[in-house]
């Protein structure tokens, strides 16, 4: 499948996509920090 997609991106698109992915990752980590641990981490309570 990769072979079929080659040549579809314009020059510079890869860098823009990587920068956008990095920005999205940073925003997600800002709102959902990975260091938020509690003794009950991983337990789901259903009501």
C-alpha atoms as a PDB file:
ATOM      1  CA  UNK A   1       0.000   0.000   0.000  1.00  0.00           C
ATOM      2  CA  UNK A   2       2.867   2.368   0.748  1.00  0.00           C
ATOM      3  CA  UNK A   3       3.988   2.077  -2.855  1.00  0.00           C
ATOM      4  CA  UNK A   4       0.581   3.306  -4.028  1.00  0.00           C
ATOM      5  CA  UNK A   5       0.819   6.394  -1.791  1.00  0.00           C
ATOM      6  CA  UNK A   6       4.294   7.488  -2.846  1.00  0.00           C
ATOM      7  CA  UNK A   7       4.374  10.814  -4.596  1.00  0.00           C
ATOM      8  CA  UNK A   8       1.061  12.070  -3.208  1.00  0.00           C
ATOM      9  CA  UNK A   9       2.648  14.495  -0.733  1.00  0.00           C
ATOM     10  CA  UNK A  10       4.077  17.813  -1.843  1.00  0.00           C
ATOM     11  CA  UNK A  11       7.529  18.931  -0.768  1.00  0.00           C
ATOM     12  CA  UNK A  12       7.467  20.057   2.855  1.00  0.00           C
ATOM     13  CA  UNK A  13       4.253  18.199   3.722  1.00  0.00           C
ATOM     14  CA  UNK A  14       6.129  15.610   5.772  1.00  0.00           C
ATOM     15  CA  UNK A  15       7.670  18.281   7.980  1.00  0.00           C
ATOM     16  CA  UNK A  16       4.319  20.043   8.421  1.00  0.00           C
ATOM     17  CA  UNK A  17       2.590  16.768   9.332  1.00  0.00           C
ATOM     18  CA  UNK A  18       5.304  15.897  11.839  1.00  0.00           C
ATOM     19  CA  UNK A  19       5.088  19.369  13.424  1.00  0.00           C
ATOM     20  CA  UNK A  20       1.303  19.077  13.642  1.00  0.00           C
ATOM     21  CA  UNK A  21       1.530  15.626  15.206  1.00  0.00           C
ATOM     22  CA  UNK A  22       4.016  16.927  17.773  1.00  0.00           C
ATOM     23  CA  UNK A  23       1.734  19.874  18.626  1.00  0.00           C
ATOM     24  CA  UNK A  24      -1.241  17.527  19.011  1.00  0.00           C
ATOM     25  CA  UNK A  25       0.773  15.203  21.248  1.00  0.00           C
ATOM     26  CA  UNK A  26       1.911  18.101  23.438  1.00  0.00           C
ATOM     27  CA  UNK A  27      -1.653  19.405  23.785  1.00  0.00           C
ATOM     28  CA  UNK A  28      -2.947  15.945  24.728  1.00  0.00           C
ATOM     29  CA  UNK A  29      -0.207  15.506  27.317  1.00  0.00           C
ATOM     30  CA  UNK A  30      -0.956  18.966  28.735  1.00  0.00           C
ATOM     31  CA  UNK A  31      -4.609  18.115  29.333  1.00  0.00           C
ATOM     32  CA  UNK A  32      -3.979  14.472  30.301  1.00  0.00           C
ATOM     33  CA  UNK A  33      -0.599  14.290  32.018  1.00  0.00           C
ATOM     34  CA  UNK A  34       0.887  10.825  32.241  1.00  0.00           C
ATOM     35  CA  UNK A  35       2.280  11.366  35.722  1.00  0.00           C
ATOM     36  CA  UNK A  36      -1.145  11.486  37.387  1.00  0.00           C
ATOM     37  CA  UNK A  37      -0.943   8.337  39.449  1.00  0.00           C
ATOM     38  CA  UNK A  38      -3.139   7.350  42.353  1.00  0.00           C
ATOM     39  CA  UNK A  39      -3.387   4.187  44.437  1.00  0.00           C
ATOM     40  CA  UNK A  40      -6.540   3.298  42.447  1.00  0.00           C
ATOM     41  CA  UNK A  41      -5.028   4.027  39.062  1.00  0.00           C
ATOM     42  CA  UNK A  42      -6.559   1.706  36.466  1.00  0.00           C
ATOM     43  CA  UNK A  43      -9.692   0.873  38.445  1.00  0.00           C
ATOM     44  CA  UNK A  44     -13.004   1.730  36.807  1.00  0.00           C
ATOM     45  CA  UNK A  45     -16.014   2.343  39.009  1.00  0.00           C
ATOM     46  CA  UNK A  46     -19.410   1.670  37.476  1.00  0.00           C
ATOM     47  CA  UNK A  47     -22.540   3.116  38.988  1.00  0.00           C
END
